[in-house]
Amino acid sequence: MVVDDGEGWRFLSCIWLHAGVIHLATNMMSLLFIGIKLEQEFGFLRIGLLYVLSGFGGSLMSAIKAKGHTPMVSVGASGALFGLLGAMLSELITNWTIYANKCAALMTLVMVIALNMALGFLPRVDSSAHIGGFLSGFLLGFILLVRPQYGYVSRRHIPQGFDTRHRKPKHKCYQYLLWVIALIALLLGYAMGLNKLYGGQTLENNPVQSIT
């Protein structure tokens, strides 16, 4: 329906639909544990944009996987939630210098991601949406969740008479580099995915339901 009927709005609408109360409750619990922490640190606008774009990435990969096969119904916020996990990983990488327990934080986050990815092997779970959402969120984290480096002070808070030549820049060079690379990779990924999806026709059979 997304391709044949021109219903592109389904890329986003499926993020707020669920296959039952248990599916909804599971995703909302995950959102509470992951989303609140990120929103408190980075604000509603950035995390909201990250959430929606990650959900779009998950929906896009799910639609690409279904192309040429029996049409299926895929609903759920898991693609967007995996985007938040991916963003947490890239945020840790790009802001590496400001963390105290770097290795412990990295290992803990990798274990959480691995456990959640393992859920994709369960029956009727759309693992492609998980992967697409995670990759989108991982790239978006380098773009939206960059923090000032340790020791940076804004000009408005610098006292009079302070030698500004010794003031640290807001971001490190590698942060700018990762920002540019991630933005290019994200745009190319979306463009290539849409081109692959809309480059042909899908089979018109009865839909099969799956959840994300």
Protein backbone atom coordinates (compact mmCIF):
# COMPACT_ATOMS: atom_id res chain seq x y z
CA MET A 1 0.00 0.00 0.00
CA VAL A 2 2.86 2.37 0.72
CA VAL A 3 4.16 2.09 -2.85
CA ASP A 4 1.26 0.90 -5.01
CA ASP A 5 -1.36 3.19 -3.46
CA GLY A 6 0.97 6.15 -2.86
CA GLU A 7 0.33 6.11 0.90
CA GLY A 8 3.69 7.41 2.06
CA TRP A 9 2.18 8.71 5.28
CA ARG A 10 2.22 5.11 6.54
CA PHE A 11 5.98 5.43 7.08
CA LEU A 12 5.18 7.60 10.13
CA SER A 13 1.67 6.56 11.14
CA CYS A 14 2.78 2.99 11.91
CA ILE A 15 5.04 4.29 14.69
CA TRP A 16 1.98 5.12 16.80
CA LEU A 17 0.05 1.91 16.06
CA HIS A 18 0.50 -1.37 17.94
CA ALA A 19 -0.62 -4.99 17.62
CA GLY A 20 -2.38 -5.25 20.96
CA VAL A 21 -2.15 -4.03 24.54
CA ILE A 22 0.93 -6.10 25.44
CA HIS A 23 2.84 -4.75 22.44
CA LEU A 24 1.86 -1.19 23.35
CA ALA A 25 2.77 -1.62 27.04
CA THR A 26 6.17 -3.14 26.21
CA ASN A 27 7.12 -0.30 23.89
CA MET A 28 5.89 2.38 26.26
CA MET A 29 7.91 0.92 29.14
CA SER A 30 11.00 0.98 26.94
CA LEU A 31 10.24 4.56 25.97
CA LEU A 32 9.95 5.58 29.62
CA PHE A 33 13.34 4.10 30.51
CA ILE A 34 15.19 5.39 27.44
CA GLY A 35 13.32 8.47 26.23
CA ILE A 36 12.93 10.39 29.50
CA LYS A 37 16.66 10.34 30.24
CA LEU A 38 17.54 11.60 26.75
CA GLU A 39 14.80 14.24 26.77
CA GLN A 40 15.97 15.63 30.12
CA GLU A 41 19.52 15.99 28.77
CA PHE A 42 18.88 17.20 25.22
CA GLY A 43 15.36 18.62 25.20
CA PHE A 44 12.05 17.75 23.60
CA LEU A 45 12.75 19.11 20.12
CA ARG A 46 15.97 17.23 19.43
CA ILE A 47 14.79 13.93 20.90
CA GLY A 48 11.39 14.27 19.24
CA LEU A 49 13.02 14.81 15.85
CA LEU A 50 15.39 11.92 16.47
CA TYR A 51 12.47 9.68 17.44
CA VAL A 52 10.41 10.45 14.34
CA LEU A 53 13.30 10.22 11.87
CA SER A 54 14.46 6.94 13.41
CA GLY A 55 10.94 5.59 13.13
CA PHE A 56 10.91 6.63 9.47
CA GLY A 57 14.21 4.81 8.91
CA GLY A 58 12.82 1.66 10.51
CA SER A 59 9.65 1.82 8.44
CA LEU A 60 11.66 2.40 5.27
CA MET A 61 13.85 -0.67 5.82
CA SER A 62 10.81 -2.75 6.73
CA ALA A 63 9.08 -1.72 3.50
CA ILE A 64 12.21 -2.51 1.48
CA LYS A 65 12.37 -5.99 3.00
CA ALA A 66 8.71 -6.61 2.19
CA LYS A 67 9.07 -5.42 -1.41
CA GLY A 68 8.56 -8.25 -3.87
CA HIS A 69 7.15 -10.55 -1.19
CA THR A 70 3.71 -11.13 0.24
CA PRO A 71 2.54 -7.74 1.59
CA MET A 72 2.50 -7.51 5.37
CA VAL A 73 1.26 -5.10 8.02
CA SER A 74 4.06 -3.86 10.27
CA VAL A 75 3.24 -1.62 13.23
CA GLY A 76 4.94 -0.49 16.40
CA ALA A 77 7.37 2.03 17.86
CA SER A 78 10.33 -0.36 18.09
CA GLY A 79 12.12 1.20 15.11
CA ALA A 80 12.01 4.60 16.81
CA LEU A 81 13.03 3.09 20.15
CA PHE A 82 15.99 1.34 18.59
CA GLY A 83 16.86 4.71 17.10
CA LEU A 84 17.13 6.11 20.62
CA LEU A 85 19.46 3.25 21.56
CA GLY A 86 21.58 3.89 18.49
CA ALA A 87 21.71 7.59 19.34
CA MET A 88 22.86 6.79 22.87
CA LEU A 89 25.76 4.82 21.41
CA SER A 90 26.83 7.54 18.97
CA GLU A 91 26.37 10.19 21.68
CA LEU A 92 28.80 8.27 23.86
CA ILE A 93 31.29 8.07 20.99
CA THR A 94 31.13 11.70 19.87
CA ASN A 95 31.20 13.02 23.46
CA TRP A 96 33.78 10.48 24.61
CA THR A 97 36.10 12.93 26.33
CA ILE A 98 33.54 14.19 28.85
CA TYR A 99 32.63 10.78 30.28
CA ALA A 100 34.33 9.45 33.41
CA ASN A 101 33.63 5.70 33.24
CA LYS A 102 33.90 5.38 29.47
CA CYS A 103 34.51 1.65 29.07
CA ALA A 104 31.89 0.65 31.62
CA ALA A 105 29.28 2.86 29.98
CA LEU A 106 30.15 1.50 26.54
CA MET A 107 30.01 -2.17 27.58
CA THR A 108 26.71 -1.69 29.41
CA LEU A 109 25.15 0.05 26.42
CA VAL A 110 26.42 -2.58 23.96
CA MET A 111 24.94 -5.37 26.11
CA VAL A 112 21.56 -3.60 26.26
CA ILE A 113 21.57 -3.13 22.49
CA ALA A 114 22.56 -6.76 21.88
CA LEU A 115 19.78 -8.06 24.14
CA ASN A 116 17.20 -5.91 22.41
CA MET A 117 18.46 -6.92 18.96
CA ALA A 118 18.03 -10.56 19.97
CA LEU A 119 14.29 -9.92 20.20
CA GLY A 120 14.30 -9.69 16.41
CA PHE A 121 14.64 -13.46 16.23
CA LEU A 122 11.23 -13.99 17.86
CA PRO A 123 8.37 -15.08 15.56
CA ARG A 124 6.38 -12.32 13.85
CA VAL A 125 8.82 -9.61 14.96
CA ASP A 126 10.03 -7.29 12.18
CA SER A 127 13.79 -7.23 12.78
CA SER A 128 14.37 -5.08 9.68
CA ALA A 129 12.54 -2.19 11.35
CA HIS A 130 14.79 -2.59 14.40
CA ILE A 131 17.93 -2.45 12.26
CA GLY A 132 16.73 0.48 10.16
CA GLY A 133 15.72 2.46 13.23
CA PHE A 134 18.99 1.69 15.00
CA LEU A 135 21.14 2.77 12.04
CA SER A 136 19.13 5.97 11.58
CA GLY A 137 19.35 6.83 15.27
CA PHE A 138 23.07 6.01 15.36
CA LEU A 139 23.77 8.52 12.58
CA LEU A 140 21.36 11.09 14.01
CA GLY A 141 23.14 10.93 17.37
CA PHE A 142 26.30 12.33 15.78
CA ILE A 143 24.21 15.18 14.32
CA LEU A 144 21.76 16.09 17.08
CA LEU A 145 23.43 15.04 20.35
CA VAL A 146 26.82 16.75 20.20
CA ARG A 147 27.87 18.24 23.55
CA PRO A 148 30.41 21.04 24.15
CA GLN A 149 33.81 19.67 25.09
CA TYR A 150 35.00 19.68 28.69
CA GLY A 151 36.27 23.09 29.77
CA TYR A 152 34.31 25.12 27.20
CA VAL A 153 32.88 28.40 28.49
CA SER A 154 30.43 30.53 26.53
CA ARG A 155 31.47 34.13 25.80
CA ARG A 156 28.52 35.44 27.79
CA HIS A 157 29.95 33.82 30.94
CA ILE A 158 33.57 34.91 30.51
CA PRO A 159 34.55 37.58 33.08
CA GLN A 160 35.95 40.91 31.93
CA GLY A 161 39.69 40.95 31.46
CA PHE A 162 39.96 37.24 30.69
CA ASP A 163 42.34 36.40 27.84
CA THR A 164 39.96 34.84 25.30
CA ARG A 165 42.87 33.50 23.26
CA HIS A 166 43.06 30.63 25.73
CA ARG A 167 39.35 29.88 25.55
CA LYS A 168 38.59 26.35 24.40
CA PRO A 169 36.50 25.94 21.24
CA LYS A 170 32.99 24.60 21.75
CA HIS A 171 33.57 21.33 19.90
CA LYS A 172 36.55 19.21 18.96
CA CYS A 173 37.58 18.67 15.33
CA TYR A 174 36.55 15.02 15.34
CA GLN A 175 33.04 16.01 16.43
CA TYR A 176 32.65 18.25 13.38
CA LEU A 177 34.05 15.47 11.18
CA LEU A 178 31.64 12.88 12.56
CA TRP A 179 28.77 15.38 12.14
CA VAL A 180 29.51 15.85 8.44
CA ILE A 181 30.06 12.13 7.75
CA ALA A 182 26.87 11.14 9.60
CA LEU A 183 24.76 13.75 7.81
CA ILE A 184 25.99 12.63 4.38
CA ALA A 185 25.53 8.95 5.24
CA LEU A 186 22.02 9.55 6.59
CA LEU A 187 20.84 11.51 3.55
CA LEU A 188 22.38 8.99 1.16
CA GLY A 189 20.83 6.12 3.08
CA TYR A 190 17.35 7.64 2.98
CA ALA A 191 17.72 8.54 -0.72
CA MET A 192 18.98 5.08 -1.71
CA GLY A 193 16.30 3.38 0.36
CA LEU A 194 13.48 5.42 -1.19
CA ASN A 195 14.91 4.86 -4.65
CA LYS A 196 15.08 1.10 -4.07
CA LEU A 197 11.56 1.00 -2.67
CA TYR A 198 9.88 3.06 -5.38
CA GLY A 199 11.90 1.58 -8.24
CA GLY A 200 9.45 -1.28 -8.91
CA GLN A 201 6.16 -2.89 -8.00
CA THR A 202 5.19 -5.15 -5.12
CA LEU A 203 3.02 -8.25 -5.16
CA GLU A 204 -0.68 -7.68 -4.50
CA ASN A 205 -1.62 -10.48 -2.08
CA ASN A 206 -3.40 -10.58 1.24
CA PRO A 207 -1.35 -8.82 3.92
CA VAL A 208 0.43 -10.65 6.73
CA GLN A 209 0.67 -8.91 10.09
CA SER A 210 3.94 -8.44 11.96
CA ILE A 211 5.01 -6.22 14.83
CA THR A 212 8.04 -4.04 15.43
